[in-house]
Amino acid sequence: MSTDAGLSFIEIAGTPHEVGVGLGRFGREIVHRHLVKGHAWASVMAFRDDPRIAAMQGLVEARFPAYWAELQGLAVGLDLAFDEVFLWNCRGDVWAFAPDGCTTVQVPGREPLLAHNEDGDPGFRGHCALAHVRAEGGVAFTSFVYPASIPGHTFAVTEAGLVQTVNNIRSRRIGVGLPRMVLGRALLDCRTLDEAVRFLETSERAGAFHMTLAQKGDPRLVSIEYTHTTCSLTVIDRPRCHANHLVHDGTRQEEQVITGSSQSRQERGDAILARATSPHPNPLEILWDSSIAPLPIYRAQPDDPDHENTLATAIFRIGAEAIHWQVYDQADALPRFTMDGGLTPS
């Protein structure tokens, strides 16, 4: 594990419960010092008596006992009540203003390129990690992880060659179903891109997310926006940018919260791509752009109106035989980690 204030790399293996315990222990100190004392935690805990939470618990326990065990282990490792940890992992399903943003750049081609800014609580800077996880009975993966959260709602690469990036959607149409973060975790155990797409299309969904999915050896970049009631799929055919709100023709009219930052990042990303002269633009020119003040794509300002900063940037080059990827924990710097065709730093 890295010991400075940058992004760490951790390795966790064992039963699903043991994996959860390991993730919890990793984040326990900052969770007690920062997260549970903040506005976001209090806002989510206000939903503890919402009947939808009990319904979601029942669905997860019955259909995904491995992730249920992982969540239980997470609570043990964090030294927090299970009901509180479960609710926190449903935060975007019950509270439209959960502090998760993000911007994704999608560049199709024979070897697609996928790039992503992970925007989250700036109080977690230096306390997040790339986690290489091997849970018994599941597919191994490496994912960006936040303290107190299960993997699957940020960016990840799996042993099966799947790549996943996730953007928050602040939907107003929330219902009873599987928590969106549990759906994201389940995608990491899918073996193929088509299996992952079918899973999202057919699952009972509580909240909303945008996901870009790709797989080694497959030229497709698949953009999926889903809500409680709708699942929209687009195969990317030209370079595109996606901030954290619904933009597909089939979903953009749904009730959602579009913050000033999300709108600004989408418009700026679209503008950069519109003037690009190459069919293969450099995604870092978009993701590290800070020219639109006070609402830039790369978010580092202490007064960000959504209370989010860019905590990492990931670039994935998806080849026929391997995925080559780099993760940065600050702009205009060398990569923090380089994964040259595998799941661990080369």
Protein backbone atom coordinates (compact mmCIF):
# COMPACT_ATOMS: atom_id res chain seq x y z
CA MET A 1 0.00 0.00 0.00
CA SER A 2 1.24 3.52 -0.77
CA THR A 3 2.01 5.53 2.34
CA ASP A 4 1.89 9.13 1.06
CA ALA A 5 -1.21 11.30 0.67
CA GLY A 6 -1.96 10.07 -2.84
CA LEU A 7 -4.18 7.31 -4.10
CA SER A 8 -3.39 3.94 -2.49
CA PHE A 9 -3.30 0.47 -4.01
CA ILE A 10 -4.67 -2.31 -1.80
CA GLU A 11 -5.26 -6.03 -2.31
CA ILE A 12 -8.09 -7.89 -0.59
CA ALA A 13 -9.07 -11.55 -0.95
CA GLY A 14 -11.25 -14.10 0.85
CA THR A 15 -14.90 -14.82 1.36
CA PRO A 16 -17.33 -12.02 0.51
CA HIS A 17 -17.62 -11.23 4.22
CA GLU A 18 -13.82 -11.08 4.56
CA VAL A 19 -13.59 -8.81 1.53
CA GLY A 20 -16.10 -6.46 3.13
CA VAL A 21 -14.19 -6.46 6.41
CA GLY A 22 -11.00 -5.57 4.54
CA LEU A 23 -12.66 -2.70 2.71
CA GLY A 24 -14.15 -1.46 5.97
CA ARG A 25 -10.85 -1.52 7.83
CA PHE A 26 -9.23 0.42 5.01
CA GLY A 27 -11.74 3.28 5.32
CA ARG A 28 -12.58 3.17 9.03
CA GLU A 29 -10.41 6.04 10.28
CA ILE A 30 -11.54 8.67 7.75
CA VAL A 31 -15.16 7.51 7.98
CA HIS A 32 -15.28 8.16 11.73
CA ARG A 33 -13.21 11.34 11.50
CA HIS A 34 -14.96 12.87 8.51
CA LEU A 35 -17.88 11.07 6.86
CA VAL A 36 -20.22 10.36 9.78
CA LYS A 37 -19.85 13.95 11.02
CA GLY A 38 -20.88 15.54 7.75
CA HIS A 39 -24.00 16.85 6.06
CA ALA A 40 -24.19 14.07 3.46
CA TRP A 41 -24.24 11.31 6.07
CA ALA A 42 -26.91 13.08 8.11
CA SER A 43 -29.01 13.70 4.99
CA VAL A 44 -28.93 10.02 4.02
CA MET A 45 -29.55 8.76 7.58
CA ALA A 46 -32.76 10.81 7.60
CA PHE A 47 -34.20 8.09 5.34
CA ARG A 48 -33.58 5.28 7.84
CA ASP A 49 -37.34 4.72 8.37
CA ASP A 50 -38.22 4.90 4.68
CA PRO A 51 -40.08 1.64 3.86
CA ARG A 52 -38.17 1.37 0.58
CA ILE A 53 -34.99 0.60 2.56
CA ALA A 54 -36.45 -2.52 4.16
CA ALA A 55 -37.67 -3.64 0.73
CA MET A 56 -34.21 -3.10 -0.77
CA GLN A 57 -32.61 -5.04 2.06
CA GLY A 58 -34.94 -7.95 1.40
CA LEU A 59 -34.14 -7.97 -2.31
CA VAL A 60 -30.37 -7.88 -1.79
CA GLU A 61 -30.38 -10.58 0.89
CA ALA A 62 -32.55 -12.90 -1.23
CA ARG A 63 -30.97 -12.38 -4.64
CA PHE A 64 -27.35 -11.51 -3.90
CA PRO A 65 -26.27 -13.25 -0.68
CA ALA A 66 -22.60 -12.68 -1.56
CA TYR A 67 -23.02 -8.89 -1.73
CA TRP A 68 -25.20 -9.01 1.38
CA ALA A 69 -22.28 -10.70 3.16
CA GLU A 70 -19.88 -8.14 1.71
CA LEU A 71 -22.01 -5.31 3.08
CA GLN A 72 -22.19 -7.02 6.47
CA GLY A 73 -18.42 -7.37 6.50
CA LEU A 74 -18.05 -3.74 5.46
CA ALA A 75 -20.06 -2.69 8.53
CA VAL A 76 -17.89 -4.87 10.78
CA GLY A 77 -14.69 -3.42 9.35
CA LEU A 78 -16.02 0.12 9.70
CA ASP A 79 -17.27 -0.51 13.26
CA LEU A 80 -20.67 0.89 12.31
CA ALA A 81 -24.22 -0.46 12.47
CA PHE A 82 -25.13 -2.59 9.46
CA ASP A 83 -28.38 -0.69 8.81
CA GLU A 84 -26.43 2.57 8.58
CA VAL A 85 -23.84 1.13 6.21
CA PHE A 86 -26.53 -0.44 4.01
CA LEU A 87 -28.41 2.86 3.87
CA TRP A 88 -25.24 4.76 2.96
CA ASN A 89 -24.79 2.34 0.06
CA CYS A 90 -28.32 3.28 -1.05
CA ARG A 91 -27.61 7.00 -0.84
CA GLY A 92 -28.26 7.82 -4.49
CA ASP A 93 -31.44 5.74 -4.46
CA VAL A 94 -33.04 7.84 -1.73
CA TRP A 95 -31.34 11.25 -1.94
CA ALA A 96 -30.95 13.09 -5.24
CA PHE A 97 -28.08 15.23 -3.96
CA ALA A 98 -25.68 12.43 -3.00
CA PRO A 99 -22.11 13.78 -3.43
CA ASP A 100 -21.05 11.83 -6.52
CA GLY A 101 -20.45 13.55 -9.86
CA CYS A 102 -18.03 12.43 -12.62
CA THR A 103 -17.38 13.02 -16.32
CA THR A 104 -16.68 10.36 -18.97
CA VAL A 105 -15.14 10.62 -22.45
CA GLN A 106 -15.98 7.87 -24.95
CA VAL A 107 -13.85 7.45 -28.11
CA PRO A 108 -14.88 4.55 -30.39
CA GLY A 109 -12.59 2.77 -32.81
CA ARG A 110 -10.98 -0.57 -33.54
CA GLU A 111 -9.42 -0.27 -30.09
CA PRO A 112 -11.84 1.95 -28.14
CA LEU A 113 -10.67 4.47 -25.59
CA LEU A 114 -12.61 5.24 -22.44
CA ALA A 115 -11.64 7.96 -19.98
CA HIS A 116 -13.20 9.09 -16.72
CA ASN A 117 -12.93 11.74 -14.01
CA GLU A 118 -13.97 10.36 -10.63
CA ASP A 119 -15.53 13.27 -8.71
CA GLY A 120 -16.45 12.87 -5.06
CA ASP A 121 -16.21 14.22 -1.54
CA PRO A 122 -12.97 16.27 -1.35
CA GLY A 123 -12.62 15.19 2.27
CA PHE A 124 -11.72 11.73 0.92
CA ARG A 125 -8.67 12.96 -1.02
CA GLY A 126 -5.77 10.74 0.01
CA HIS A 127 -8.16 8.23 1.61
CA CYS A 128 -9.43 6.38 -1.48
CA ALA A 129 -7.77 3.44 -3.21
CA LEU A 130 -7.50 1.24 -6.22
CA ALA A 131 -8.56 -2.09 -4.72
CA HIS A 132 -7.62 -5.40 -6.31
CA VAL A 133 -10.33 -7.73 -5.03
CA ARG A 134 -10.58 -11.52 -5.26
CA ALA A 135 -13.79 -12.67 -3.58
CA GLU A 136 -14.46 -16.39 -3.41
CA GLY A 137 -17.02 -17.38 -6.03
CA GLY A 138 -16.67 -14.13 -7.96
CA VAL A 139 -14.65 -12.54 -10.74
CA ALA A 140 -11.45 -10.75 -9.70
CA PHE A 141 -11.34 -7.02 -10.45
CA THR A 142 -9.55 -3.78 -9.69
CA SER A 143 -11.75 -0.82 -8.83
CA PHE A 144 -11.50 2.69 -7.44
CA VAL A 145 -13.08 2.48 -3.98
CA TYR A 146 -14.38 5.05 -1.52
CA PRO A 147 -14.36 4.53 2.25
CA ALA A 148 -17.66 2.99 3.44
CA SER A 149 -18.78 1.95 -0.06
CA ILE A 150 -18.78 -1.36 -1.88
CA PRO A 151 -17.02 -1.38 -5.29
CA GLY A 152 -18.86 -1.00 -8.58
CA HIS A 153 -20.00 2.62 -8.76
CA THR A 154 -16.79 4.34 -9.90
CA PHE A 155 -14.44 2.76 -12.48
CA ALA A 156 -13.12 -0.77 -12.69
CA VAL A 157 -11.55 -3.48 -14.85
CA THR A 158 -12.32 -7.15 -14.30
CA GLU A 159 -10.51 -10.43 -14.89
CA ALA A 160 -13.07 -11.16 -17.62
CA GLY A 161 -11.88 -8.08 -19.50
CA LEU A 162 -14.88 -5.87 -18.73
CA VAL A 163 -14.37 -2.14 -18.21
CA GLN A 164 -16.92 -0.13 -16.25
CA THR A 165 -17.19 3.61 -15.64
CA VAL A 166 -20.11 5.11 -13.73
CA ASN A 167 -21.67 8.57 -13.54
CA ASN A 168 -24.17 9.70 -10.93
CA ILE A 169 -27.70 10.49 -12.12
CA ARG A 170 -29.85 12.59 -9.82
CA SER A 171 -33.19 11.09 -10.78
CA ARG A 172 -36.51 12.20 -9.33
CA ARG A 173 -38.06 8.85 -10.27
CA ILE A 174 -36.99 6.50 -7.49
CA GLY A 175 -38.85 3.35 -6.56
CA VAL A 176 -38.48 -0.02 -4.90
CA GLY A 177 -35.82 -2.19 -6.48
CA LEU A 178 -32.20 -3.21 -6.15
CA PRO A 179 -29.89 -0.41 -5.01
CA ARG A 180 -27.93 1.02 -7.89
CA MET A 181 -24.60 0.41 -6.12
CA VAL A 182 -25.46 -3.27 -5.70
CA LEU A 183 -26.28 -3.45 -9.41
CA GLY A 184 -22.90 -1.90 -10.15
CA ARG A 185 -21.21 -4.44 -7.88
CA ALA A 186 -23.01 -7.28 -9.66
CA LEU A 187 -21.76 -6.10 -13.05
CA LEU A 188 -18.21 -6.80 -11.88
CA ASP A 189 -19.13 -10.50 -11.76
CA CYS A 190 -20.50 -10.57 -15.31
CA ARG A 191 -18.43 -12.53 -17.82
CA THR A 192 -19.40 -10.75 -21.03
CA LEU A 193 -20.52 -7.33 -22.21
CA ASP A 194 -23.82 -8.75 -23.44
CA GLU A 195 -24.44 -10.42 -20.08
CA ALA A 196 -23.84 -7.11 -18.30
CA VAL A 197 -26.23 -5.25 -20.62
CA ARG A 198 -28.97 -7.87 -20.21
CA PHE A 199 -28.53 -7.78 -16.46
CA LEU A 200 -29.15 -4.03 -16.29
CA GLU A 201 -32.07 -4.17 -18.72
CA THR A 202 -33.89 -6.93 -16.81
CA SER A 203 -33.13 -6.07 -13.16
CA GLU A 204 -35.49 -4.34 -10.77
CA ARG A 205 -33.80 -0.96 -10.38
CA ALA A 206 -34.36 1.42 -7.49
CA GLY A 207 -32.35 4.43 -8.61
CA ALA A 208 -30.48 5.73 -11.64
CA PHE A 209 -26.96 5.60 -13.05
CA HIS A 210 -25.09 6.16 -16.29
CA MET A 211 -22.58 3.45 -17.18
CA THR A 212 -20.16 3.04 -20.03
CA LEU A 213 -19.23 -0.60 -20.57
CA ALA A 214 -16.60 -2.18 -22.80
CA GLN A 215 -14.77 -5.48 -23.08
CA LYS A 216 -11.40 -6.66 -24.26
CA GLY A 217 -11.64 -7.93 -27.82
CA ASP A 218 -14.98 -6.19 -28.51
CA PRO A 219 -15.01 -2.90 -30.48
CA ARG A 220 -18.21 -1.65 -28.83
CA LEU A 221 -18.44 1.15 -26.29
CA VAL A 222 -21.91 0.85 -24.75
CA SER A 223 -23.48 3.85 -23.02
CA ILE A 224 -26.35 2.93 -20.69
CA GLU A 225 -28.62 5.32 -18.83
CA TYR A 226 -31.05 3.66 -16.49
CA THR A 227 -33.66 4.82 -14.02
CA HIS A 228 -36.25 3.03 -11.92
CA THR A 229 -38.51 2.68 -14.96
CA THR A 230 -36.30 3.04 -18.06
CA CYS A 231 -33.10 1.57 -19.47
CA SER A 232 -31.62 3.29 -22.54
CA LEU A 233 -28.68 1.81 -24.48
CA THR A 234 -26.51 3.50 -27.12
CA VAL A 235 -23.49 2.04 -28.92
CA ILE A 236 -21.08 4.96 -29.25
CA ASP A 237 -20.32 5.75 -32.91
CA ARG A 238 -18.39 9.01 -32.51
CA PRO A 239 -16.42 10.68 -29.70
CA ARG A 240 -18.78 11.77 -26.94
CA CYS A 241 -18.70 13.27 -23.48
CA HIS A 242 -21.07 12.42 -20.64
CA ALA A 243 -21.41 14.38 -17.41
CA ASN A 244 -23.71 13.22 -14.65
CA HIS A 245 -27.21 13.73 -16.02
CA LEU A 246 -29.47 11.99 -18.52
CA VAL A 247 -28.73 12.95 -22.14
CA HIS A 248 -30.00 9.99 -24.22
CA ASP A 249 -33.02 10.67 -26.41
CA GLY A 250 -34.95 7.99 -24.53
CA THR A 251 -34.29 9.37 -21.05
CA ARG A 252 -33.47 13.08 -21.14
CA GLN A 253 -37.11 14.07 -20.59
CA GLU A 254 -37.32 12.18 -17.29
CA GLU A 255 -37.47 14.10 -14.04
CA GLN A 256 -33.95 14.73 -12.78
CA VAL A 257 -31.77 17.28 -11.02
CA ILE A 258 -29.17 18.85 -13.34
CA THR A 259 -26.76 20.89 -11.28
CA GLY A 260 -24.92 23.91 -12.68
CA SER A 261 -21.67 21.95 -12.62
CA SER A 262 -23.11 18.98 -14.49
CA GLN A 263 -24.60 21.22 -17.20
CA SER A 264 -21.38 23.21 -17.53
CA ARG A 265 -19.19 20.10 -17.81
CA GLN A 266 -21.46 18.57 -20.45
CA GLU A 267 -21.53 21.73 -22.53
CA ARG A 268 -17.78 22.29 -22.28
CA GLY A 269 -16.97 18.67 -23.15
CA ASP A 270 -19.30 18.78 -26.15
CA ALA A 271 -17.72 22.05 -27.31
CA ILE A 272 -14.17 20.68 -27.15
CA LEU A 273 -15.19 17.59 -29.12
CA ALA A 274 -17.07 19.68 -31.71
CA ARG A 275 -13.91 21.57 -32.64
CA ALA A 276 -11.60 18.54 -32.53
CA THR A 277 -9.81 17.88 -35.83
CA SER A 278 -8.82 14.29 -35.05
CA PRO A 279 -11.21 11.33 -34.84
CA HIS A 280 -9.17 10.26 -31.81
CA PRO A 281 -9.06 13.31 -29.50
CA ASN A 282 -6.89 13.30 -26.40
CA PRO A 283 -9.36 12.72 -23.54
CA LEU A 284 -7.11 14.48 -21.02
CA GLU A 285 -7.61 17.75 -22.90
CA ILE A 286 -11.26 17.43 -21.89
CA LEU A 287 -11.04 15.83 -18.46
CA TRP A 288 -8.31 18.19 -17.25
CA ASP A 289 -9.93 21.31 -18.70
CA SER A 290 -10.41 24.06 -16.12
CA SER A 291 -11.13 27.03 -18.37
CA ILE A 292 -14.80 27.46 -17.43
CA ALA A 293 -14.73 29.09 -14.02
CA PRO A 294 -16.34 28.59 -11.58
CA LEU A 295 -17.74 25.32 -13.02
CA PRO A 296 -14.83 23.50 -14.75
CA ILE A 297 -14.62 19.90 -15.90
CA TYR A 298 -11.59 19.23 -13.69
CA ARG A 299 -12.86 20.16 -10.24
CA ALA A 300 -10.38 21.25 -7.60
CA GLN A 301 -11.95 24.39 -6.15
CA PRO A 302 -12.77 24.36 -2.42
CA ASP A 303 -16.11 26.10 -3.03
CA ASP A 304 -17.45 23.64 -5.63
CA PRO A 305 -21.24 24.09 -5.44
CA ASP A 306 -21.87 20.32 -5.47
CA HIS A 307 -19.21 19.75 -2.78
CA GLU A 308 -17.24 17.50 -5.14
CA ASN A 309 -13.66 17.48 -6.44
CA THR A 310 -11.90 15.32 -9.01
CA LEU A 311 -10.14 12.59 -7.01
CA ALA A 312 -8.79 10.51 -9.90
CA THR A 313 -8.67 10.30 -13.69
CA ALA A 314 -8.54 6.96 -15.49
CA ILE A 315 -7.69 6.24 -19.14
CA PHE A 316 -8.52 2.80 -20.63
CA ARG A 317 -7.24 1.59 -24.01
CA ILE A 318 -9.27 -1.49 -24.85
CA GLY A 319 -7.40 -3.79 -27.18
CA ALA A 320 -8.11 -7.13 -28.76
CA GLU A 321 -5.94 -9.01 -26.29
CA ALA A 322 -5.52 -6.70 -23.29
CA ILE A 323 -6.65 -3.54 -21.55
CA HIS A 324 -3.92 -0.98 -20.96
CA TRP A 325 -4.88 1.63 -18.41
CA GLN A 326 -3.51 4.46 -16.33
CA VAL A 327 -4.83 6.21 -13.24
CA TYR A 328 -3.86 9.74 -12.23
CA ASP A 329 -4.58 11.31 -8.86
CA GLN A 330 -3.86 14.86 -9.98
CA ALA A 331 -3.97 16.78 -13.24
CA ASP A 332 -0.89 17.59 -15.31
CA ALA A 333 1.15 14.90 -13.58
CA LEU A 334 2.53 11.46 -14.29
CA PRO A 335 0.19 8.50 -13.78
CA ARG A 336 -0.09 7.29 -10.22
CA PHE A 337 -0.58 3.72 -11.49
CA THR A 338 -0.11 2.01 -14.85
CA MET A 339 -1.75 -1.36 -15.49
CA ASP A 340 -0.07 -2.73 -18.61
CA GLY A 341 -2.64 -5.32 -19.61
CA GLY A 342 -3.47 -6.56 -16.13
CA LEU A 343 -5.21 -5.72 -12.87
CA THR A 344 -2.16 -4.72 -10.83
CA PRO A 345 0.43 -1.99 -11.42
CA SER A 346 3.25 -2.91 -13.79
